[in-house]
Amino acid sequence: MSRLHLVLLFNITLGLSFQLLCDGKVMMEYIGATGIPVQFDDVPIETAIDFHFILSFAIDADSSGNTQNGIFSPYWATTLTPDAVAATKSRHPNVKALASLSGWSLADKTLSWYNPPDENLWISNAFSSLKTLVLNYHLDGIDVDYERFPKNSNDSFAYCIGELITLLKNQSLISVATIAPFHTTVDPYIELYERYEDVIDYVNYQFYTDKVKSPERYLEAFKNRTLQFGKEKVLPSYEVNGRGIQGDGFFEALRLIEDDGFDVNGAMIFSADASASDGFYFETKTQHFLLNNSTS
């Protein structure tokens, strides 16, 4: 079979697979942040879910944590290779791969947004380095997860990140952009969202940092965050063996959110690294919930 025929067959298969997607049901899964040699193939993937692996993390710093003025490098688990991404997407055409930007730390060095002295140079560097990552790793998008901010940085952050996402989308390098605020980083992300809402597809709000441990309080937190970011884009989230609500209480919270009139069409889980030890229980049950909830 010729290369042209293979490309055509792939495109036809890809198109048919997207037709199987269940009305935009989306699952976000962070992977690779801890260095555990987790594999994409270990994670259960429902064919009727638009499944996004979020590779954690791409960082604009060298290995010592020194800032690189927008030049991003991959620091996720070495098992998550470009060939592994390509193979997973070939087997599961409903899978997308995103690079998450920054995260909390690099080894012992805590990371932070910094106000670039030349914002346009930072945007140019970020665009070029992320273009390389997108092409090398067969990525579909980026997730923005800066978690510490200096004072008076909201405008700089919103402009640099908003223009970067816009440029990547306008050049057709990515099709998905998400943001990952939590309770102490809401303000800069609100400014980013209000100015660039049109190019932001989902809000992976980290509800586990809000220290809500009952389904009822989770519902209230969810309602509050949808007032800030828009109910159609905010995804409920869960941290495996971590903070916030735990166990099946998460699914009770999802049912309460649904009963309150929200469409639960997606969820975010942090992370596949932690789930590997329990057989990916939460990934499996979350996808089943999304495919069977009463608002679909």
Protein backbone atom coordinates (compact mmCIF):
# COMPACT_ATOMS: atom_id res chain seq x y z
CA MET A 1 0.00 0.00 0.00
CA SER A 2 1.38 3.41 -0.94
CA ARG A 3 2.06 6.17 1.57
CA LEU A 4 -0.77 8.21 0.02
CA HIS A 5 -3.22 5.37 0.51
CA LEU A 6 -2.10 4.99 4.11
CA VAL A 7 -2.66 8.70 4.77
CA LEU A 8 -6.11 8.57 3.15
CA LEU A 9 -7.03 5.47 5.15
CA PHE A 10 -5.88 7.14 8.35
CA ASN A 11 -7.92 10.28 7.64
CA ILE A 12 -11.04 8.23 6.85
CA THR A 13 -10.61 6.19 10.03
CA LEU A 14 -10.04 9.35 12.06
CA GLY A 15 -13.17 10.96 10.67
CA LEU A 16 -15.31 7.91 11.40
CA SER A 17 -13.97 7.68 14.93
CA PHE A 18 -14.88 11.27 15.71
CA GLN A 19 -18.44 10.52 14.59
CA LEU A 20 -18.55 7.99 17.42
CA LEU A 21 -17.82 10.59 20.08
CA CYS A 22 -20.64 11.00 22.56
CA ASP A 23 -21.75 14.61 22.19
CA GLY A 24 -18.48 16.13 23.34
CA LYS A 25 -17.83 13.98 26.41
CA VAL A 26 -14.27 14.77 27.40
CA MET A 27 -11.81 13.21 29.82
CA MET A 28 -8.63 15.01 30.84
CA GLU A 29 -5.81 12.94 32.39
CA TYR A 30 -2.50 14.36 33.59
CA ILE A 31 0.36 11.94 33.04
CA GLY A 32 4.11 11.86 33.54
CA ALA A 33 4.59 14.46 36.28
CA THR A 34 6.24 12.18 38.87
CA GLY A 35 8.74 10.39 36.67
CA ILE A 36 7.02 7.03 37.27
CA PRO A 37 7.40 5.01 34.04
CA VAL A 38 3.68 5.03 33.29
CA GLN A 39 2.56 3.99 29.81
CA PHE A 40 -0.30 5.42 27.75
CA ASP A 41 -1.49 1.87 27.04
CA ASP A 42 -1.99 1.21 30.76
CA VAL A 43 -4.83 3.76 30.92
CA PRO A 44 -8.34 2.53 30.01
CA ILE A 45 -9.84 4.56 27.16
CA GLU A 46 -13.49 4.44 26.11
CA THR A 47 -13.96 4.91 22.36
CA ALA A 48 -16.92 7.25 22.94
CA ILE A 49 -14.87 9.67 25.06
CA ASP A 50 -12.79 12.54 23.70
CA PHE A 51 -9.76 11.53 25.77
CA HIS A 52 -7.02 14.10 26.40
CA PHE A 53 -3.67 13.02 27.83
CA ILE A 54 -1.96 16.04 29.42
CA LEU A 55 1.80 15.49 29.41
CA SER A 56 3.30 17.02 32.54
CA PHE A 57 5.24 19.23 32.16
CA ALA A 58 6.78 21.46 29.51
CA ILE A 59 8.82 24.08 31.37
CA ASP A 60 10.51 27.26 30.21
CA ALA A 61 13.53 26.60 32.39
CA ASP A 62 16.77 24.64 32.23
CA SER A 63 17.33 21.51 34.32
CA SER A 64 18.40 23.65 37.29
CA GLY A 65 15.17 25.65 37.18
CA ASN A 66 16.66 28.81 35.71
CA THR A 67 14.21 30.64 33.48
CA GLN A 68 14.70 30.38 29.72
CA ASN A 69 12.60 33.37 28.60
CA GLY A 70 9.87 31.30 26.96
CA ILE A 71 11.97 28.42 25.63
CA PHE A 72 10.06 25.31 26.73
CA SER A 73 11.54 21.85 27.15
CA PRO A 74 9.78 18.56 28.02
CA TYR A 75 10.25 17.20 31.55
CA TRP A 76 7.58 14.49 31.58
CA ALA A 77 8.32 10.79 32.13
CA THR A 78 10.78 9.42 29.61
CA THR A 79 8.36 6.61 28.73
CA LEU A 80 6.09 9.19 27.09
CA THR A 81 8.07 9.40 23.87
CA PRO A 82 6.99 10.85 20.53
CA ASP A 83 6.64 7.30 19.20
CA ALA A 84 4.46 6.36 22.17
CA VAL A 85 2.19 9.36 21.55
CA ALA A 86 1.90 8.54 17.86
CA ALA A 87 1.19 4.87 18.51
CA THR A 88 -1.50 5.65 21.10
CA LYS A 89 -3.23 8.11 18.80
CA SER A 90 -3.08 5.60 15.97
CA ARG A 91 -4.74 2.90 18.11
CA HIS A 92 -7.22 5.34 19.66
CA PRO A 93 -8.25 8.08 17.18
CA ASN A 94 -10.35 9.66 19.94
CA VAL A 95 -7.17 10.49 21.90
CA LYS A 96 -5.54 13.91 21.95
CA ALA A 97 -2.23 14.84 23.57
CA LEU A 98 -1.51 18.18 25.25
CA ALA A 99 1.59 19.63 26.89
CA SER A 100 0.98 21.21 30.28
CA LEU A 101 3.03 24.34 30.84
CA SER A 102 5.06 24.82 34.02
CA GLY A 103 3.45 22.99 36.95
CA TRP A 104 4.52 23.53 40.57
CA SER A 105 8.20 22.60 40.59
CA LEU A 106 11.20 21.16 38.79
CA ALA A 107 13.03 18.84 41.17
CA ASP A 108 13.58 20.99 44.29
CA LYS A 109 13.06 24.32 42.49
CA THR A 110 9.62 25.89 42.87
CA LEU A 111 8.48 27.43 39.61
CA SER A 112 6.75 30.75 39.10
CA TRP A 113 5.46 32.96 36.37
CA TYR A 114 7.83 35.84 35.82
CA ASN A 115 7.17 39.11 34.06
CA PRO A 116 9.32 38.98 30.91
CA PRO A 117 11.24 42.22 30.27
CA ASP A 118 10.28 41.87 26.60
CA GLU A 119 6.85 40.26 26.41
CA ASN A 120 6.85 39.93 22.63
CA LEU A 121 10.22 38.18 22.69
CA TRP A 122 8.85 35.74 25.30
CA ILE A 123 5.83 35.05 23.08
CA SER A 124 8.09 34.51 20.05
CA ASN A 125 10.37 32.13 21.97
CA ALA A 126 7.43 30.27 23.44
CA PHE A 127 5.75 29.90 20.07
CA SER A 128 8.91 28.58 18.41
CA SER A 129 9.79 26.12 21.17
CA LEU A 130 6.23 24.85 21.53
CA LYS A 131 5.93 24.49 17.76
CA THR A 132 8.90 22.14 17.92
CA LEU A 133 7.31 20.18 20.79
CA VAL A 134 3.95 20.01 19.02
CA LEU A 135 5.50 18.65 15.84
CA ASN A 136 7.93 16.26 17.57
CA TYR A 137 5.42 14.83 20.03
CA HIS A 138 2.33 14.90 17.76
CA LEU A 139 0.53 17.21 20.19
CA ASP A 140 -2.93 18.67 19.77
CA GLY A 141 -2.85 21.41 22.36
CA ILE A 142 -1.51 22.98 25.53
CA ASP A 143 -2.67 23.21 29.11
CA VAL A 144 -1.59 26.25 31.14
CA ASP A 145 -0.62 25.36 34.71
CA TYR A 146 1.48 28.17 36.15
CA GLU A 147 0.90 27.94 39.92
CA ARG A 148 2.80 30.84 41.50
CA PHE A 149 2.69 34.51 40.56
CA PRO A 150 4.59 37.61 41.69
CA LYS A 151 2.66 40.76 42.50
CA ASN A 152 1.37 42.84 39.62
CA SER A 153 1.74 40.05 37.08
CA ASN A 154 -1.88 39.53 36.00
CA ASP A 155 -1.64 41.74 32.91
CA SER A 156 1.68 40.28 31.78
CA PHE A 157 0.48 36.71 32.26
CA ALA A 158 -2.81 37.30 30.47
CA TYR A 159 -1.17 39.02 27.52
CA CYS A 160 1.70 36.57 27.04
CA ILE A 161 -0.33 33.39 27.47
CA GLY A 162 -3.38 34.70 25.62
CA GLU A 163 -1.34 35.84 22.63
CA LEU A 164 0.63 32.58 22.65
CA ILE A 165 -2.54 30.46 22.52
CA THR A 166 -4.01 32.70 19.83
CA LEU A 167 -0.87 32.44 17.71
CA LEU A 168 -0.66 28.64 18.07
CA LYS A 169 -4.31 28.30 17.08
CA ASN A 170 -4.13 30.80 14.22
CA GLN A 171 -1.18 28.85 12.80
CA SER A 172 -3.22 25.61 13.15
CA LEU A 173 -0.56 24.09 15.38
CA ILE A 174 -3.03 23.28 18.15
CA SER A 175 -6.76 22.73 18.31
CA VAL A 176 -7.22 22.62 22.11
CA ALA A 177 -6.19 25.00 24.89
CA THR A 178 -6.99 24.51 28.56
CA ILE A 179 -6.15 26.37 31.78
CA ALA A 180 -5.70 24.96 35.27
CA PRO A 181 -6.34 27.55 38.00
CA PHE A 182 -6.88 26.85 41.70
CA HIS A 183 -7.99 28.90 44.67
CA THR A 184 -4.82 31.00 45.12
CA THR A 185 -4.29 31.56 41.39
CA VAL A 186 -7.81 32.52 40.39
CA ASP A 187 -7.13 36.22 39.77
CA PRO A 188 -4.52 35.96 36.97
CA TYR A 189 -6.50 33.19 35.30
CA ILE A 190 -9.73 35.19 35.46
CA GLU A 191 -7.99 38.05 33.67
CA LEU A 192 -6.63 35.62 31.07
CA TYR A 193 -10.04 34.03 30.63
CA GLU A 194 -11.95 37.29 30.36
CA ARG A 195 -9.57 38.62 27.69
CA TYR A 196 -9.07 35.41 25.71
CA GLU A 197 -12.15 33.31 26.42
CA ASP A 198 -12.67 32.56 22.72
CA VAL A 199 -9.41 30.59 22.43
CA ILE A 200 -9.75 28.69 25.74
CA ASP A 201 -11.65 25.43 25.39
CA TYR A 202 -11.73 24.01 28.93
CA VAL A 203 -10.98 25.07 32.50
CA ASN A 204 -9.30 22.25 34.46
CA TYR A 205 -10.03 23.88 37.78
CA GLN A 206 -8.16 22.07 40.58
CA PHE A 207 -11.10 21.58 42.97
CA TYR A 208 -9.01 19.31 45.20
CA THR A 209 -7.10 22.38 46.37
CA ASP A 210 -10.30 23.97 47.72
CA LYS A 211 -10.24 21.46 50.61
CA VAL A 212 -13.85 20.45 50.04
CA LYS A 213 -14.38 16.89 51.25
CA SER A 214 -18.15 16.40 51.06
CA PRO A 215 -20.30 16.14 47.91
CA GLU A 216 -22.45 19.05 49.07
CA ARG A 217 -19.49 21.39 49.52
CA TYR A 218 -18.02 20.22 46.22
CA LEU A 219 -21.26 21.26 44.51
CA GLU A 220 -21.06 24.72 46.06
CA ALA A 221 -17.42 25.11 45.00
CA PHE A 222 -18.30 24.02 41.48
CA LYS A 223 -21.16 26.52 41.25
CA ASN A 224 -18.90 29.33 42.48
CA ARG A 225 -16.19 28.57 39.92
CA THR A 226 -18.66 28.41 37.05
CA LEU A 227 -19.65 31.98 37.90
CA GLN A 228 -16.00 32.97 37.34
CA PHE A 229 -15.18 30.90 34.27
CA GLY A 230 -18.44 29.84 32.61
CA LYS A 231 -20.39 26.67 33.28
CA GLU A 232 -19.90 25.27 29.78
CA LYS A 233 -16.10 25.08 30.16
CA VAL A 234 -15.38 24.22 33.81
CA LEU A 235 -14.62 20.52 34.38
CA PRO A 236 -15.03 18.75 37.73
CA SER A 237 -11.68 17.38 38.89
CA TYR A 238 -10.27 14.72 41.18
CA GLU A 239 -6.83 14.02 42.64
CA VAL A 240 -6.08 10.32 43.10
CA ASN A 241 -4.83 9.56 46.64
CA GLY A 242 -4.58 13.28 47.18
CA ARG A 243 -6.36 16.32 48.51
CA GLY A 244 -10.02 17.23 48.63
CA ILE A 245 -12.89 14.83 48.19
CA GLN A 246 -11.81 11.19 47.95
CA GLY A 247 -13.23 7.85 46.92
CA ASP A 248 -16.75 7.44 45.62
CA GLY A 249 -17.67 10.75 47.21
CA PHE A 250 -16.43 12.26 43.95
CA PHE A 251 -19.13 10.45 42.00
CA GLU A 252 -21.76 11.49 44.54
CA ALA A 253 -20.61 15.07 43.91
CA LEU A 254 -20.94 14.58 40.14
CA ARG A 255 -24.50 13.36 40.63
CA LEU A 256 -25.31 16.40 42.79
CA ILE A 257 -23.88 18.71 40.13
CA GLU A 258 -26.01 16.98 37.53
CA ASP A 259 -29.13 17.12 39.72
CA ASP A 260 -28.55 20.86 40.17
CA GLY A 261 -29.03 21.35 36.43
CA PHE A 262 -25.47 21.28 35.11
CA ASP A 263 -24.40 19.15 32.17
CA VAL A 264 -21.56 16.96 33.39
CA ASN A 265 -19.92 16.43 30.04
CA GLY A 266 -16.34 16.11 31.16
CA ALA A 267 -13.90 15.61 34.02
CA MET A 268 -10.22 15.98 34.86
CA ILE A 269 -8.12 13.53 36.87
CA PHE A 270 -4.69 14.06 38.39
CA SER A 271 -3.04 11.75 37.65
CA ALA A 272 -2.34 8.54 35.74
CA ASP A 273 0.92 8.23 37.68
CA ALA A 274 -0.99 7.74 40.94
CA SER A 275 -3.74 5.63 39.38
CA ALA A 276 -1.36 2.97 38.12
CA SER A 277 -1.28 1.37 41.58
CA ASP A 278 -5.07 0.90 41.84
CA GLY A 279 -5.89 -0.33 38.34
CA PHE A 280 -7.16 3.05 37.12
CA TYR A 281 -10.41 2.73 39.06
CA PHE A 282 -11.28 6.42 38.84
CA GLU A 283 -10.51 6.71 35.13
CA THR A 284 -12.76 3.73 34.40
CA LYS A 285 -15.64 4.84 36.61
CA THR A 286 -15.45 8.49 35.53
CA GLN A 287 -15.73 7.55 31.86
CA HIS A 288 -18.67 5.26 32.61
CA PHE A 289 -20.35 8.10 34.49
CA LEU A 290 -19.86 10.51 31.61
CA LEU A 291 -21.30 8.04 29.10
CA ASN A 292 -24.31 7.18 31.23
CA ASN A 293 -25.27 10.34 33.10
CA SER A 294 -28.83 11.50 32.67
CA THR A 295 -28.03 14.82 31.01
CA SER A 296 -26.45 13.26 27.92
